[in-house]
PDB file of N, CA and C in Angstrom:
ATOM      1  N   MET A   1     -13.961  -2.966  -2.827  1.00  0.00           N
ATOM      2  CA  MET A   1     -13.534  -4.064  -1.943  1.00  0.00           C
ATOM      3  C   MET A   1     -13.802  -5.398  -2.662  1.00  0.00           C
ATOM      4  N   SER A   2     -12.833  -6.334  -2.350  1.00  0.00           N
ATOM      5  CA  SER A   2     -12.914  -7.711  -2.930  1.00  0.00           C
ATOM      6  C   SER A   2     -12.760  -8.685  -1.753  1.00  0.00           C
ATOM      7  N   ALA A   3     -13.408  -9.797  -1.919  1.00  0.00           N
ATOM      8  CA  ALA A   3     -13.275 -10.878  -0.873  1.00  0.00           C
ATOM      9  C   ALA A   3     -12.023 -11.600  -1.007  1.00  0.00           C
ATOM     10  N   ASN A   4     -11.396 -11.943   0.144  1.00  0.00           N
ATOM     11  CA  ASN A   4     -10.234 -12.793   0.155  1.00  0.00           C
ATOM     12  C   ASN A   4     -10.169 -13.307   1.644  1.00  0.00           C
ATOM     13  N   SER A   5     -10.373 -14.639   1.666  1.00  0.00           N
ATOM     14  CA  SER A   5     -10.595 -15.254   3.145  1.00  0.00           C
ATOM     15  C   SER A   5      -9.351 -15.064   3.928  1.00  0.00           C
ATOM     16  N   TRP A   6      -8.172 -14.746   3.297  1.00  0.00           N
ATOM     17  CA  TRP A   6      -7.021 -14.665   4.064  1.00  0.00           C
ATOM     18  C   TRP A   6      -6.628 -13.144   4.450  1.00  0.00           C
ATOM     19  N   ALA A   7      -7.480 -12.215   3.964  1.00  0.00           N
ATOM     20  CA  ALA A   7      -7.336 -10.754   4.344  1.00  0.00           C
ATOM     21  C   ALA A   7      -8.044 -10.518   5.667  1.00  0.00           C
ATOM     22  N   SER A   8      -7.641  -9.423   6.209  1.00  0.00           N
ATOM     23  CA  SER A   8      -8.152  -9.162   7.487  1.00  0.00           C
ATOM     24  C   SER A   8      -9.701  -8.771   7.234  1.00  0.00           C
ATOM     25  N   GLY A   9     -10.524  -9.401   8.023  1.00  0.00           N
ATOM     26  CA  GLY A   9     -11.943  -9.194   7.795  1.00  0.00           C
ATOM     27  C   GLY A   9     -12.601  -9.719   6.666  1.00  0.00           C
ATOM     28  N   GLY A  10     -11.684 -10.476   5.900  1.00  0.00           N
ATOM     29  CA  GLY A  10     -12.114 -11.239   4.657  1.00  0.00           C
ATOM     30  C   GLY A  10     -12.293 -10.338   3.345  1.00  0.00           C
ATOM     31  N   ASN A  11     -11.793  -9.095   3.427  1.00  0.00           N
ATOM     32  CA  ASN A  11     -11.770  -8.280   2.282  1.00  0.00           C
ATOM     33  C   ASN A  11     -10.502  -7.488   2.059  1.00  0.00           C
ATOM     34  N   HIS A  12     -10.401  -6.974   0.964  1.00  0.00           N
ATOM     35  CA  HIS A  12      -9.156  -6.174   0.653  1.00  0.00           C
ATOM     36  C   HIS A  12      -9.479  -5.146  -0.427  1.00  0.00           C
ATOM     37  N   VAL A  13      -8.624  -4.209  -0.837  1.00  0.00           N
ATOM     38  CA  VAL A  13      -8.798  -3.223  -1.910  1.00  0.00           C
ATOM     39  C   VAL A  13      -7.805  -3.740  -2.977  1.00  0.00           C
ATOM     40  N   GLY A  14      -8.261  -3.902  -4.230  1.00  0.00           N
ATOM     41  CA  GLY A  14      -7.392  -4.190  -5.336  1.00  0.00           C
ATOM     42  C   GLY A  14      -7.640  -3.340  -6.405  1.00  0.00           C
ATOM     43  N   TYR A  15      -6.821  -3.446  -7.561  1.00  0.00           N
ATOM     44  CA  TYR A  15      -7.010  -2.543  -8.657  1.00  0.00           C
ATOM     45  C   TYR A  15      -6.736  -1.112  -8.454  1.00  0.00           C
ATOM     46  N   VAL A  16      -6.008  -0.760  -7.547  1.00  0.00           N
ATOM     47  CA  VAL A  16      -5.545   0.702  -7.338  1.00  0.00           C
ATOM     48  C   VAL A  16      -4.482   0.945  -8.378  1.00  0.00           C
ATOM     49  N   GLY A  17      -4.614   2.152  -9.089  1.00  0.00           N
ATOM     50  CA  GLY A  17      -3.684   2.434 -10.020  1.00  0.00           C
ATOM     51  C   GLY A  17      -3.931   2.120 -11.387  1.00  0.00           C
ATOM     52  N   ASN A  18      -3.100   1.984 -12.299  1.00  0.00           N
ATOM     53  CA  ASN A  18      -3.262   1.621 -13.671  1.00  0.00           C
ATOM     54  C   ASN A  18      -3.855   2.932 -14.402  1.00  0.00           C
ATOM     55  N   GLY A  19      -3.602   4.016 -13.850  1.00  0.00           N
ATOM     56  CA  GLY A  19      -4.229   5.310 -14.418  1.00  0.00           C
ATOM     57  C   GLY A  19      -4.306   6.427 -13.243  1.00  0.00           C
ATOM     58  N   PRO A  20      -4.093   7.682 -13.690  1.00  0.00           N
ATOM     59  CA  PRO A  20      -4.086   8.662 -12.616  1.00  0.00           C
ATOM     60  C   PRO A  20      -5.200   8.915 -11.779  1.00  0.00           C
ATOM     61  N   GLY A  21      -6.419   8.575 -12.268  1.00  0.00           N
ATOM     62  CA  GLY A  21      -7.600   8.778 -11.484  1.00  0.00           C
ATOM     63  C   GLY A  21      -8.092   7.628 -10.670  1.00  0.00           C
ATOM     64  N   ASN A  22      -7.341   6.544 -10.702  1.00  0.00           N
ATOM     65  CA  ASN A  22      -7.813   5.307  -9.954  1.00  0.00           C
ATOM     66  C   ASN A  22      -6.957   5.271  -8.637  1.00  0.00           C
ATOM     67  N   THR A  23      -7.372   6.032  -7.600  1.00  0.00           N
ATOM     68  CA  THR A  23      -6.571   6.063  -6.322  1.00  0.00           C
ATOM     69  C   THR A  23      -7.473   5.626  -5.242  1.00  0.00           C
ATOM     70  N   LEU A  24      -6.726   5.344  -4.072  1.00  0.00           N
ATOM     71  CA  LEU A  24      -7.322   4.936  -2.678  1.00  0.00           C
ATOM     72  C   LEU A  24      -7.070   6.163  -1.870  1.00  0.00           C
ATOM     73  N   THR A  25      -7.948   6.881  -1.472  1.00  0.00           N
ATOM     74  CA  THR A  25      -7.683   7.964  -0.498  1.00  0.00           C
ATOM     75  C   THR A  25      -8.437   7.920   0.829  1.00  0.00           C
ATOM     76  N   PHE A  26      -7.760   8.076   1.946  1.00  0.00           N
ATOM     77  CA  PHE A  26      -8.428   7.981   3.283  1.00  0.00           C
ATOM     78  C   PHE A  26      -7.874   8.966   4.160  1.00  0.00           C
ATOM     79  N   GLN A  27      -8.643   9.346   5.201  1.00  0.00           N
ATOM     80  CA  GLN A  27      -8.027  10.379   6.125  1.00  0.00           C
ATOM     81  C   GLN A  27      -7.807   9.651   7.507  1.00  0.00           C
ATOM     82  N   VAL A  28      -6.775  10.154   8.202  1.00  0.00           N
ATOM     83  CA  VAL A  28      -6.422   9.685   9.554  1.00  0.00           C
ATOM     84  C   VAL A  28      -6.239  10.902  10.384  1.00  0.00           C
ATOM     85  N   ASN A  29      -6.490  10.747  11.675  1.00  0.00           N
ATOM     86  CA  ASN A  29      -6.149  11.736  12.726  1.00  0.00           C
ATOM     87  C   ASN A  29      -4.973  11.484  13.592  1.00  0.00           C
ATOM     88  N   ALA A  30      -4.084  12.445  13.689  1.00  0.00           N
ATOM     89  CA  ALA A  30      -3.025  12.244  14.566  1.00  0.00           C
ATOM     90  C   ALA A  30      -3.054  13.218  15.736  1.00  0.00           C
ATOM     91  N   ALA A  31      -2.856  12.670  16.793  1.00  0.00           N
ATOM     92  CA  ALA A  31      -2.866  13.395  18.043  1.00  0.00           C
ATOM     93  C   ALA A  31      -1.853  14.617  18.144  1.00  0.00           C
ATOM     94  N   SER A  32      -0.666  14.326  17.441  1.00  0.00           N
ATOM     95  CA  SER A  32       0.349  15.448  17.511  1.00  0.00           C
ATOM     96  C   SER A  32       1.167  15.319  16.173  1.00  0.00           C
ATOM     97  N   ALA A  33       1.822  16.373  15.804  1.00  0.00           N
ATOM     98  CA  ALA A  33       2.558  16.360  14.496  1.00  0.00           C
ATOM     99  C   ALA A  33       3.811  15.581  14.811  1.00  0.00           C
ATOM    100  N   GLY A  34       4.378  14.907  13.651  1.00  0.00           N
ATOM    101  CA  GLY A  34       5.544  14.154  13.918  1.00  0.00           C
ATOM    102  C   GLY A  34       5.605  13.166  12.904  1.00  0.00           C
ATOM    103  N   ARG A  35       6.791  12.264  13.100  1.00  0.00           N
ATOM    104  CA  ARG A  35       6.947  11.037  12.274  1.00  0.00           C
ATOM    105  C   ARG A  35       6.210   9.899  12.842  1.00  0.00           C
ATOM    106  N   TYR A  36       5.575   9.172  11.794  1.00  0.00           N
ATOM    107  CA  TYR A  36       4.858   7.927  12.138  1.00  0.00           C
ATOM    108  C   TYR A  36       5.336   6.822  11.271  1.00  0.00           C
ATOM    109  N   VAL A  37       5.140   5.539  11.696  1.00  0.00           N
ATOM    110  CA  VAL A  37       5.203   4.387  10.864  1.00  0.00           C
ATOM    111  C   VAL A  37       3.879   3.982  10.556  1.00  0.00           C
ATOM    112  N   MET A  38       3.708   3.899   9.105  1.00  0.00           N
ATOM    113  CA  MET A  38       2.476   3.634   8.419  1.00  0.00           C
ATOM    114  C   MET A  38       2.754   2.116   7.984  1.00  0.00           C
ATOM    115  N   ASN A  39       2.216   1.132   8.810  1.00  0.00           N
ATOM    116  CA  ASN A  39       2.320  -0.342   8.296  1.00  0.00           C
ATOM    117  C   ASN A  39       1.289  -0.676   7.292  1.00  0.00           C
ATOM    118  N   VAL A  40       1.838  -0.991   6.021  1.00  0.00           N
ATOM    119  CA  VAL A  40       0.871  -1.444   5.006  1.00  0.00           C
ATOM    120  C   VAL A  40       0.992  -2.881   4.711  1.00  0.00           C
ATOM    121  N   ARG A  41      -0.178  -3.485   4.941  1.00  0.00           N
ATOM    122  CA  ARG A  41      -0.359  -5.101   4.848  1.00  0.00           C
ATOM    123  C   ARG A  41      -0.800  -5.280   3.301  1.00  0.00           C
ATOM    124  N   TYR A  42      -0.149  -5.918   2.472  1.00  0.00           N
ATOM    125  CA  TYR A  42      -0.301  -5.922   1.039  1.00  0.00           C
ATOM    126  C   TYR A  42      -0.017  -7.354   0.460  1.00  0.00           C
ATOM    127  N   ALA A  43      -0.566  -7.624  -0.712  1.00  0.00           N
ATOM    128  CA  ALA A  43      -0.194  -8.876  -1.545  1.00  0.00           C
ATOM    129  C   ALA A  43       0.111  -8.457  -2.883  1.00  0.00           C
ATOM    130  N   ASN A  44       0.956  -9.120  -3.553  1.00  0.00           N
ATOM    131  CA  ASN A  44       1.428  -8.968  -4.910  1.00  0.00           C
ATOM    132  C   ASN A  44       1.826 -10.221  -5.414  1.00  0.00           C
ATOM    133  N   ASN A  45       1.229 -10.777  -6.519  1.00  0.00           N
ATOM    134  CA  ASN A  45       1.687 -11.936  -7.139  1.00  0.00           C
ATOM    135  C   ASN A  45       1.870 -11.784  -8.699  1.00  0.00           C
ATOM    136  N   GLN A  46       2.255 -10.451  -9.075  1.00  0.00           N
ATOM    137  CA  GLN A  46       2.358 -10.186 -10.442  1.00  0.00           C
ATOM    138  C   GLN A  46       3.570 -10.907 -10.989  1.00  0.00           C
ATOM    139  N   VAL A  47       3.480 -11.547 -12.241  1.00  0.00           N
ATOM    140  CA  VAL A  47       4.651 -12.142 -12.847  1.00  0.00           C
ATOM    141  C   VAL A  47       4.793 -11.605 -14.266  1.00  0.00           C
ATOM    142  N   SER A  48       5.905 -11.717 -14.780  1.00  0.00           N
ATOM    143  CA  SER A  48       6.259 -11.322 -16.131  1.00  0.00           C
ATOM    144  C   SER A  48       6.524 -12.488 -17.031  1.00  0.00           C
ATOM    145  N   GLY A  49       5.779 -12.648 -18.050  1.00  0.00           N
ATOM    146  CA  GLY A  49       6.120 -13.882 -18.963  1.00  0.00           C
ATOM    147  C   GLY A  49       5.320 -15.050 -18.341  1.00  0.00           C
ATOM    148  N   SER A  50       5.616 -16.185 -18.950  1.00  0.00           N
ATOM    149  CA  SER A  50       4.961 -17.389 -18.492  1.00  0.00           C
ATOM    150  C   SER A  50       5.919 -18.303 -17.757  1.00  0.00           C
ATOM    151  N   GLY A  51       5.289 -19.242 -16.987  1.00  0.00           N
ATOM    152  CA  GLY A  51       6.160 -20.048 -16.094  1.00  0.00           C
ATOM    153  C   GLY A  51       6.220 -19.564 -14.773  1.00  0.00           C
ATOM    154  N   ASN A  52       6.445 -20.377 -13.740  1.00  0.00           N
ATOM    155  CA  ASN A  52       6.623 -20.118 -12.416  1.00  0.00           C
ATOM    156  C   ASN A  52       7.954 -20.078 -11.898  1.00  0.00           C
ATOM    157  N   TYR A  53       8.765 -18.844 -12.413  1.00  0.00           N
ATOM    158  CA  TYR A  53      10.212 -18.879 -12.079  1.00  0.00           C
ATOM    159  C   TYR A  53      10.343 -17.580 -11.376  1.00  0.00           C
ATOM    160  N   ASN A  54      11.261 -17.576 -10.331  1.00  0.00           N
ATOM    161  CA  ASN A  54      11.462 -16.523  -9.470  1.00  0.00           C
ATOM    162  C   ASN A  54      12.048 -15.355 -10.216  1.00  0.00           C
ATOM    163  N   THR A  55      12.640 -15.588 -11.406  1.00  0.00           N
ATOM    164  CA  THR A  55      13.145 -14.376 -12.255  1.00  0.00           C
ATOM    165  C   THR A  55      11.898 -13.639 -12.983  1.00  0.00           C
ATOM    166  N   ASN A  56      10.739 -14.231 -12.815  1.00  0.00           N
ATOM    167  CA  ASN A  56       9.603 -13.727 -13.526  1.00  0.00           C
ATOM    168  C   ASN A  56       8.694 -12.729 -12.460  1.00  0.00           C
ATOM    169  N   VAL A  57       9.130 -12.774 -11.207  1.00  0.00           N
ATOM    170  CA  VAL A  57       8.399 -12.047 -10.313  1.00  0.00           C
ATOM    171  C   VAL A  57       8.540 -10.547 -10.514  1.00  0.00           C
ATOM    172  N   VAL A  58       7.468  -9.766 -10.248  1.00  0.00           N
ATOM    173  CA  VAL A  58       7.500  -8.312 -10.453  1.00  0.00           C
ATOM    174  C   VAL A  58       7.161  -7.558  -9.216  1.00  0.00           C
ATOM    175  N   SER A  59       7.888  -6.599  -8.749  1.00  0.00           N
ATOM    176  CA  SER A  59       7.682  -5.727  -7.702  1.00  0.00           C
ATOM    177  C   SER A  59       6.534  -4.646  -8.206  1.00  0.00           C
ATOM    178  N   ARG A  60       5.636  -4.242  -7.432  1.00  0.00           N
ATOM    179  CA  ARG A  60       4.661  -3.204  -7.753  1.00  0.00           C
ATOM    180  C   ARG A  60       5.018  -1.940  -7.071  1.00  0.00           C
ATOM    181  N   ALA A  61       4.834  -0.771  -7.656  1.00  0.00           N
ATOM    182  CA  ALA A  61       5.146   0.568  -7.050  1.00  0.00           C
ATOM    183  C   ALA A  61       3.800   1.092  -6.731  1.00  0.00           C
ATOM    184  N   ALA A  62       3.722   1.880  -5.596  1.00  0.00           N
ATOM    185  CA  ALA A  62       2.625   2.709  -5.228  1.00  0.00           C
ATOM    186  C   ALA A  62       3.177   4.137  -4.930  1.00  0.00           C
ATOM    187  N   ASP A  63       2.461   5.111  -5.435  1.00  0.00           N
ATOM    188  CA  ASP A  63       2.794   6.692  -5.060  1.00  0.00           C
ATOM    189  C   ASP A  63       1.843   6.754  -3.911  1.00  0.00           C
ATOM    190  N   ILE A  64       2.596   7.063  -2.857  1.00  0.00           N
ATOM    191  CA  ILE A  64       1.875   7.413  -1.502  1.00  0.00           C
ATOM    192  C   ILE A  64       2.010   8.854  -1.257  1.00  0.00           C
ATOM    193  N   THR A  65       0.828   9.467  -1.217  1.00  0.00           N
ATOM    194  CA  THR A  65       0.911  10.908  -1.009  1.00  0.00           C
ATOM    195  C   THR A  65       0.250  11.283   0.320  1.00  0.00           C
ATOM    196  N   VAL A  66       0.942  11.926   1.233  1.00  0.00           N
ATOM    197  CA  VAL A  66       0.521  12.340   2.531  1.00  0.00           C
ATOM    198  C   VAL A  66       0.408  13.868   2.491  1.00  0.00           C
ATOM    199  N   ASN A  67      -0.780  14.391   2.712  1.00  0.00           N
ATOM    200  CA  ASN A  67      -0.943  15.821   2.697  1.00  0.00           C
ATOM    201  C   ASN A  67      -0.249  16.544   1.581  1.00  0.00           C
ATOM    202  N   GLY A  68      -0.284  15.953   0.393  1.00  0.00           N
ATOM    203  CA  GLY A  68       0.380  16.564  -0.789  1.00  0.00           C
ATOM    204  C   GLY A  68       1.673  16.268  -1.174  1.00  0.00           C
ATOM    205  N   THR A  69       2.479  15.520  -0.258  1.00  0.00           N
ATOM    206  CA  THR A  69       3.780  15.199  -0.469  1.00  0.00           C
ATOM    207  C   THR A  69       3.901  13.653  -0.964  1.00  0.00           C
ATOM    208  N   ALA A  70       4.360  13.459  -2.085  1.00  0.00           N
ATOM    209  CA  ALA A  70       4.315  12.093  -2.672  1.00  0.00           C
ATOM    210  C   ALA A  70       5.625  11.425  -2.587  1.00  0.00           C
ATOM    211  N   THR A  71       5.590  10.112  -2.363  1.00  0.00           N
ATOM    212  CA  THR A  71       6.798   9.245  -2.344  1.00  0.00           C
ATOM    213  C   THR A  71       6.421   7.990  -2.969  1.00  0.00           C
ATOM    214  N   THR A  72       7.260   7.400  -3.934  1.00  0.00           N
ATOM    215  CA  THR A  72       7.149   6.140  -4.597  1.00  0.00           C
ATOM    216  C   THR A  72       7.758   5.033  -3.639  1.00  0.00           C
ATOM    217  N   VAL A  73       6.886   4.034  -3.364  1.00  0.00           N
ATOM    218  CA  VAL A  73       7.280   2.918  -2.504  1.00  0.00           C
ATOM    219  C   VAL A  73       7.097   1.698  -3.325  1.00  0.00           C
ATOM    220  N   MET A  74       8.231   0.784  -3.193  1.00  0.00           N
ATOM    221  CA  MET A  74       8.185  -0.536  -3.924  1.00  0.00           C
ATOM    222  C   MET A  74       7.654  -1.592  -2.997  1.00  0.00           C
ATOM    223  N   PHE A  75       6.737  -2.447  -3.592  1.00  0.00           N
ATOM    224  CA  PHE A  75       6.268  -3.633  -2.782  1.00  0.00           C
ATOM    225  C   PHE A  75       6.697  -4.878  -3.504  1.00  0.00           C
ATOM    226  N   ARG A  76       7.463  -5.733  -2.841  1.00  0.00           N
ATOM    227  CA  ARG A  76       8.061  -6.940  -3.359  1.00  0.00           C
ATOM    228  C   ARG A  76       7.016  -7.955  -3.725  1.00  0.00           C
ATOM    229  N   ASN A  77       7.211  -8.863  -4.501  1.00  0.00           N
ATOM    230  CA  ASN A  77       6.225  -9.979  -4.811  1.00  0.00           C
ATOM    231  C   ASN A  77       6.134 -10.812  -3.525  1.00  0.00           C
ATOM    232  N   THR A  78       4.853 -11.194  -3.214  1.00  0.00           N
ATOM    233  CA  THR A  78       4.653 -12.025  -2.070  1.00  0.00           C
ATOM    234  C   THR A  78       4.291 -13.383  -2.423  1.00  0.00           C
ATOM    235  N   TYR A  79       4.337 -13.740  -3.623  1.00  0.00           N
ATOM    236  CA  TYR A  79       4.156 -15.122  -4.202  1.00  0.00           C
ATOM    237  C   TYR A  79       2.841 -15.743  -4.209  1.00  0.00           C
ATOM    238  N   SER A  80       1.837 -14.837  -3.877  1.00  0.00           N
ATOM    239  CA  SER A  80       0.477 -15.332  -3.828  1.00  0.00           C
ATOM    240  C   SER A  80      -0.476 -14.021  -3.648  1.00  0.00           C
ATOM    241  N   TRP A  81      -1.600 -14.099  -4.214  1.00  0.00           N
ATOM    242  CA  TRP A  81      -2.499 -12.964  -3.880  1.00  0.00           C
ATOM    243  C   TRP A  81      -3.153 -13.078  -2.539  1.00  0.00           C
ATOM    244  N   SER A  82      -2.909 -14.208  -1.944  1.00  0.00           N
ATOM    245  CA  SER A  82      -3.492 -14.475  -0.561  1.00  0.00           C
ATOM    246  C   SER A  82      -2.447 -14.536   0.551  1.00  0.00           C
ATOM    247  N   ASN A  83      -1.125 -14.128   0.129  1.00  0.00           N
ATOM    248  CA  ASN A  83      -0.038 -14.084   1.116  1.00  0.00           C
ATOM    249  C   ASN A  83       0.204 -12.625   1.363  1.00  0.00           C
ATOM    250  N   TRP A  84      -0.250 -12.211   2.535  1.00  0.00           N
ATOM    251  CA  TRP A  84      -0.182 -10.860   2.987  1.00  0.00           C
ATOM    252  C   TRP A  84       1.063 -10.531   3.646  1.00  0.00           C
ATOM    253  N   TRP A  85       1.897  -9.515   3.233  1.00  0.00           N
ATOM    254  CA  TRP A  85       3.232  -9.135   3.917  1.00  0.00           C
ATOM    255  C   TRP A  85       2.954  -7.764   4.379  1.00  0.00           C
ATOM    256  N   ASP A  86       3.744  -7.337   5.441  1.00  0.00           N
ATOM    257  CA  ASP A  86       3.802  -6.015   6.095  1.00  0.00           C
ATOM    258  C   ASP A  86       4.949  -5.276   5.603  1.00  0.00           C
ATOM    259  N   LEU A  87       4.665  -3.944   5.177  1.00  0.00           N
ATOM    260  CA  LEU A  87       5.886  -2.951   4.822  1.00  0.00           C
ATOM    261  C   LEU A  87       5.719  -1.701   5.652  1.00  0.00           C
ATOM    262  N   PRO A  88       6.568  -1.584   6.569  1.00  0.00           N
ATOM    263  CA  PRO A  88       6.593  -0.286   7.242  1.00  0.00           C
ATOM    264  C   PRO A  88       7.127   0.837   6.443  1.00  0.00           C
ATOM    265  N   VAL A  89       6.228   1.857   6.288  1.00  0.00           N
ATOM    266  CA  VAL A  89       6.552   3.131   5.512  1.00  0.00           C
ATOM    267  C   VAL A  89       6.563   4.430   6.524  1.00  0.00           C
ATOM    268  N   PRO A  90       7.719   5.169   6.663  1.00  0.00           N
ATOM    269  CA  PRO A  90       7.772   6.286   7.566  1.00  0.00           C
ATOM    270  C   PRO A  90       7.058   7.374   6.830  1.00  0.00           C
ATOM    271  N   VAL A  91       6.177   8.102   7.627  1.00  0.00           N
ATOM    272  CA  VAL A  91       5.424   9.154   7.125  1.00  0.00           C
ATOM    273  C   VAL A  91       5.468  10.340   8.157  1.00  0.00           C
ATOM    274  N   THR A  92       5.331  11.606   7.615  1.00  0.00           N
ATOM    275  CA  THR A  92       5.294  12.707   8.398  1.00  0.00           C
ATOM    276  C   THR A  92       3.790  13.254   8.514  1.00  0.00           C
ATOM    277  N   LEU A  93       3.226  13.198   9.746  1.00  0.00           N
ATOM    278  CA  LEU A  93       1.842  13.759   9.846  1.00  0.00           C
ATOM    279  C   LEU A  93       1.638  15.007  10.531  1.00  0.00           C
ATOM    280  N   LYS A  94       0.723  15.733  10.247  1.00  0.00           N
ATOM    281  CA  LYS A  94       0.394  17.023  11.051  1.00  0.00           C
ATOM    282  C   LYS A  94      -0.528  16.594  12.205  1.00  0.00           C
ATOM    283  N   ALA A  95      -0.634  17.472  13.192  1.00  0.00           N
ATOM    284  CA  ALA A  95      -1.676  17.302  14.269  1.00  0.00           C
ATOM    285  C   ALA A  95      -3.091  17.480  13.589  1.00  0.00           C
ATOM    286  N   GLY A  96      -3.957  16.545  13.910  1.00  0.00           N
ATOM    287  CA  GLY A  96      -5.302  16.584  13.341  1.00  0.00           C
ATOM    288  C   GLY A  96      -5.598  15.699  12.113  1.00  0.00           C
ATOM    289  N   THR A  97      -6.436  16.124  11.208  1.00  0.00           N
ATOM    290  CA  THR A  97      -6.716  15.377  10.028  1.00  0.00           C
ATOM    291  C   THR A  97      -5.632  15.357   8.944  1.00  0.00           C
ATOM    292  N   ASN A  98      -5.314  14.162   8.476  1.00  0.00           N
ATOM    293  CA  ASN A  98      -4.355  13.993   7.376  1.00  0.00           C
ATOM    294  C   ASN A  98      -4.828  13.242   6.344  1.00  0.00           C
ATOM    295  N   THR A  99      -4.595  13.548   5.060  1.00  0.00           N
ATOM    296  CA  THR A  99      -5.109  12.856   3.806  1.00  0.00           C
ATOM    297  C   THR A  99      -3.981  11.984   3.257  1.00  0.00           C
ATOM    298  N   ILE A 100      -4.325  10.726   3.134  1.00  0.00           N
ATOM    299  CA  ILE A 100      -3.298   9.762   2.543  1.00  0.00           C
ATOM    300  C   ILE A 100      -3.780   9.161   1.360  1.00  0.00           C
ATOM    301  N   THR A 101      -3.153   9.060   0.157  1.00  0.00           N
ATOM    302  CA  THR A 101      -3.568   8.535  -1.109  1.00  0.00           C
ATOM    303  C   THR A 101      -2.615   7.638  -1.590  1.00  0.00           C
ATOM    304  N   PHE A 102      -3.082   6.465  -2.080  1.00  0.00           N
ATOM    305  CA  PHE A 102      -2.343   5.530  -2.789  1.00  0.00           C
ATOM    306  C   PHE A 102      -2.705   5.448  -4.269  1.00  0.00           C
ATOM    307  N   GLY A 103      -1.778   5.448  -5.213  1.00  0.00           N
ATOM    308  CA  GLY A 103      -1.994   5.304  -6.570  1.00  0.00           C
ATOM    309  C   GLY A 103      -0.861   4.880  -7.387  1.00  0.00           C
ATOM    310  N   ASN A 104      -0.903   4.895  -8.663  1.00  0.00           N
ATOM    311  CA  ASN A 104       0.115   4.612  -9.680  1.00  0.00           C
ATOM    312  C   ASN A 104      -0.435   4.916 -11.009  1.00  0.00           C
ATOM    313  N   PRO A 105       0.044   5.972 -11.671  1.00  0.00           N
ATOM    314  CA  PRO A 105      -0.503   6.389 -13.033  1.00  0.00           C
ATOM    315  C   PRO A 105      -0.147   5.440 -13.985  1.00  0.00           C
ATOM    316  N   SER A 106       0.905   4.512 -13.945  1.00  0.00           N
ATOM    317  CA  SER A 106       1.342   3.778 -15.106  1.00  0.00           C
ATOM    318  C   SER A 106       1.227   2.297 -14.922  1.00  0.00           C
ATOM    319  N   GLY A 107       0.832   1.827 -13.720  1.00  0.00           N
ATOM    320  CA  GLY A 107       0.598   0.330 -13.484  1.00  0.00           C
ATOM    321  C   GLY A 107      -0.130   0.139 -12.174  1.00  0.00           C
ATOM    322  N   TYR A 108      -0.467  -1.089 -11.829  1.00  0.00           N
ATOM    323  CA  TYR A 108      -1.222  -1.279 -10.605  1.00  0.00           C
ATOM    324  C   TYR A 108      -0.393  -1.295  -9.450  1.00  0.00           C
ATOM    325  N   ALA A 109      -0.831  -0.720  -8.323  1.00  0.00           N
ATOM    326  CA  ALA A 109      -0.216  -0.898  -6.956  1.00  0.00           C
ATOM    327  C   ALA A 109      -0.638  -2.233  -6.386  1.00  0.00           C
ATOM    328  N   PRO A 110      -0.065  -2.719  -5.367  1.00  0.00           N
ATOM    329  CA  PRO A 110      -0.472  -4.034  -4.734  1.00  0.00           C
ATOM    330  C   PRO A 110      -1.737  -3.994  -4.324  1.00  0.00           C
ATOM    331  N   ASP A 111      -2.365  -5.211  -3.977  1.00  0.00           N
ATOM    332  CA  ASP A 111      -3.582  -5.270  -3.284  1.00  0.00           C
ATOM    333  C   ASP A 111      -3.372  -4.886  -1.783  1.00  0.00           C
ATOM    334  N   LEU A 112      -4.353  -4.117  -1.236  1.00  0.00           N
ATOM    335  CA  LEU A 112      -4.093  -3.480   0.033  1.00  0.00           C
ATOM    336  C   LEU A 112      -5.101  -4.235   1.011  1.00  0.00           C
ATOM    337  N   ASP A 113      -4.682  -4.620   2.208  1.00  0.00           N
ATOM    338  CA  ASP A 113      -5.422  -5.406   3.132  1.00  0.00           C
ATOM    339  C   ASP A 113      -5.786  -4.419   4.271  1.00  0.00           C
ATOM    340  N   ARG A 114      -4.655  -3.864   4.969  1.00  0.00           N
ATOM    341  CA  ARG A 114      -4.919  -3.109   6.181  1.00  0.00           C
ATOM    342  C   ARG A 114      -3.846  -2.040   6.215  1.00  0.00           C
ATOM    343  N   ILE A 115      -4.030  -0.884   6.719  1.00  0.00           N
ATOM    344  CA  ILE A 115      -3.071   0.210   7.034  1.00  0.00           C
ATOM    345  C   ILE A 115      -3.254   0.451   8.554  1.00  0.00           C
ATOM    346  N   THR A 116      -2.127   0.637   9.109  1.00  0.00           N
ATOM    347  CA  THR A 116      -2.116   0.917  10.598  1.00  0.00           C
ATOM    348  C   THR A 116      -0.916   2.020  10.802  1.00  0.00           C
ATOM    349  N   LEU A 117      -1.215   2.908  11.735  1.00  0.00           N
ATOM    350  CA  LEU A 117      -0.197   4.105  11.921  1.00  0.00           C
ATOM    351  C   LEU A 117       0.362   3.974  13.539  1.00  0.00           C
ATOM    352  N   ALA A 118       1.556   4.214  13.610  1.00  0.00           N
ATOM    353  CA  ALA A 118       1.948   4.348  15.110  1.00  0.00           C
ATOM    354  C   ALA A 118       3.144   5.292  15.274  1.00  0.00           C
ATOM    355  N   PRO A 119       3.105   6.186  16.287  1.00  0.00           N
ATOM    356  CA  PRO A 119       4.130   7.271  16.423  1.00  0.00           C
ATOM    357  C   PRO A 119       5.539   6.466  16.302  1.00  0.00           C
ATOM    358  N   LEU A 120       6.504   7.207  15.635  1.00  0.00           N
ATOM    359  CA  LEU A 120       7.781   6.712  15.592  1.00  0.00           C
ATOM    360  C   LEU A 120       8.653   7.310  16.640  1.00  0.00           C
ATOM    361  N   SER A 121       9.258   6.444  17.437  1.00  0.00           N
ATOM    362  CA  SER A 121      10.083   6.834  18.488  1.00  0.00           C
ATOM    363  C   SER A 121      11.470   6.325  18.282  1.00  0.00           C
ATOM    364  N   ARG A 122      12.394   7.236  18.830  1.00  0.00           N
ATOM    365  CA  ARG A 122      13.714   6.845  18.698  1.00  0.00           C
ATOM    366  C   ARG A 122      14.317   6.266  19.925  1.00  0.00           C
TER     367      ARG A 122
END
């Protein structure tokens, strides 16, 4: 955990990824099996090259694995490491305990502030 006064509770998780063993794993309990929206609150201010130009911003990827099923999700640049954006990610959960892992074997995932889950209804 790292301090950031703009993050929820003043802390966030950074430096996830940039190698296959550097992951963030947590467990969540679902009352029933089905589709859920996992809201990921994140920050990303990675740039390519020098200068502060919009063409230099870089999106970061995270491999999100839910109970063994992986999906790659792209996280846009938020223009500051203290500017937290929300990205809703649909996931399928089973009833009971579910394991969710964030990682990226070849680069860093975005900094993560908060994850929330809610049932997806039509």
